[in-house]
Amino acid sequence: MVKHIIEGEVIRTIEKLRFEAQGNGNANWDGGLYILDVLNDPDVFSTAMLAEIKADVHTLLTSAEDPYLEDDLYDRLTDRVIEWHISKGGPIKREKNPQLYR
């Protein structure tokens, strides 16, 4: 059985968004709210860092028509996942959502 780890899921989401923007022009764009669901954590990040995370995710969520192509934003979000992982003493196993597995 494959165990799903939150950190891996978030990094995979970031990389999928990067690939979709850079390699496909967002032709198959899908938002990345899961990133914000995990990283919007005031126990880990300062108010300023949370504002930066939210701004970065907002840039991704509003770039369906105009893809964000630079690596800096994707790399910065990946760095935040690693910081979150260290702070939480991860890896953190993702719980199954019973709504998704009926």
Protein backbone atom coordinates (compact mmCIF):
# COMPACT_ATOMS: atom_id res chain seq x y z
CA MET A 1 0.00 0.00 0.00
CA VAL A 2 1.34 3.42 -0.98
CA LYS A 3 1.48 5.88 1.86
CA HIS A 4 0.68 9.44 0.92
CA ILE A 5 2.88 12.01 2.63
CA ILE A 6 1.64 15.60 2.78
CA GLU A 7 5.02 17.09 1.92
CA GLY A 8 5.32 14.90 -1.17
CA GLU A 9 1.79 15.72 -2.29
CA VAL A 10 2.42 19.46 -2.00
CA ILE A 11 5.76 19.30 -3.84
CA ARG A 12 4.14 17.18 -6.57
CA THR A 13 1.39 19.79 -6.89
CA ILE A 14 3.93 22.61 -7.18
CA GLU A 15 5.88 20.73 -9.84
CA LYS A 16 2.72 19.88 -11.79
CA LEU A 17 1.78 23.56 -11.81
CA ARG A 18 5.32 24.50 -12.90
CA PHE A 19 5.28 21.96 -15.73
CA GLU A 20 1.82 22.98 -16.83
CA ALA A 21 2.80 26.65 -16.99
CA GLN A 22 6.27 26.26 -18.50
CA GLY A 23 5.71 23.27 -20.74
CA ASN A 24 2.09 23.58 -21.71
CA GLY A 25 1.11 27.24 -21.35
CA ASN A 26 -1.56 26.27 -18.80
CA ALA A 27 -3.60 24.52 -21.48
CA ASN A 28 -4.63 21.94 -18.86
CA TRP A 29 -4.44 24.32 -15.92
CA ASP A 30 -5.69 23.18 -12.54
CA GLY A 31 -5.49 25.36 -9.45
CA GLY A 32 -3.25 24.58 -6.50
CA LEU A 33 -5.35 25.35 -3.44
CA TYR A 34 -3.92 22.30 -1.65
CA ILE A 35 -0.63 24.19 -1.39
CA LEU A 36 -2.27 26.97 0.60
CA ASP A 37 -4.30 24.51 2.68
CA VAL A 38 -1.05 23.06 3.99
CA LEU A 39 1.28 26.07 4.11
CA ASN A 40 -1.17 28.55 5.64
CA ASP A 41 0.14 27.58 9.07
CA PRO A 42 0.72 30.39 11.60
CA ASP A 43 2.39 27.90 13.96
CA VAL A 44 5.21 27.56 11.43
CA PHE A 45 5.38 30.81 9.48
CA SER A 46 5.50 34.47 10.49
CA THR A 47 2.80 36.87 9.39
CA ALA A 48 5.13 38.26 6.70
CA MET A 49 5.98 34.78 5.43
CA LEU A 50 2.28 33.81 5.35
CA ALA A 51 1.57 36.94 3.29
CA GLU A 52 4.32 35.93 0.84
CA ILE A 53 2.98 32.36 0.59
CA LYS A 54 -0.56 33.64 -0.03
CA ALA A 55 0.69 36.09 -2.66
CA ASP A 56 2.64 33.33 -4.44
CA VAL A 57 -0.34 30.97 -4.45
CA HIS A 58 -2.60 33.81 -5.60
CA THR A 59 -0.23 34.41 -8.52
CA LEU A 60 -0.54 30.75 -9.50
CA LEU A 61 -4.31 30.68 -9.10
CA THR A 62 -4.80 33.75 -11.26
CA SER A 63 -2.38 32.72 -14.00
CA ALA A 64 -4.63 30.41 -16.01
CA GLU A 65 -4.64 32.82 -18.95
CA ASP A 66 -1.13 34.20 -18.36
CA PRO A 67 1.09 31.42 -17.00
CA TYR A 68 3.80 32.28 -14.49
CA LEU A 69 6.97 30.98 -16.14
CA GLU A 70 9.82 31.98 -13.82
CA ASP A 71 11.24 29.38 -11.43
CA ASP A 72 11.55 31.68 -8.40
CA LEU A 73 7.95 31.36 -7.22
CA TYR A 74 7.85 27.57 -7.58
CA ASP A 75 11.23 27.22 -5.87
CA ARG A 76 10.19 29.52 -3.03
CA LEU A 77 7.03 27.49 -2.38
CA THR A 78 9.04 24.27 -2.42
CA ASP A 79 11.41 25.81 0.15
CA ARG A 80 8.40 26.63 2.34
CA VAL A 81 7.27 22.98 2.14
CA ILE A 82 10.71 21.89 3.40
CA GLU A 83 10.57 24.44 6.22
CA TRP A 84 7.07 23.22 7.13
CA HIS A 85 8.32 19.60 7.06
CA ILE A 86 11.22 20.39 9.41
CA SER A 87 8.99 22.38 11.78
CA LYS A 88 6.44 19.56 11.96
CA GLY A 89 9.07 16.84 12.43
CA GLY A 90 7.73 15.17 9.27
CA PRO A 91 7.10 13.28 7.18
CA ILE A 92 3.40 13.72 7.89
CA LYS A 93 1.06 11.01 6.62
CA ARG A 94 -1.98 12.33 4.80
CA GLU A 95 -5.24 11.02 6.17
CA LYS A 96 -7.69 9.54 3.71
CA ASN A 97 -10.66 11.72 2.93
CA PRO A 98 -13.66 9.38 3.29
CA GLN A 99 -15.59 11.58 0.82
CA LEU A 100 -13.09 10.64 -1.90
CA TYR A 101 -13.09 6.88 -1.26
CA ARG A 102 -16.70 5.74 -1.35
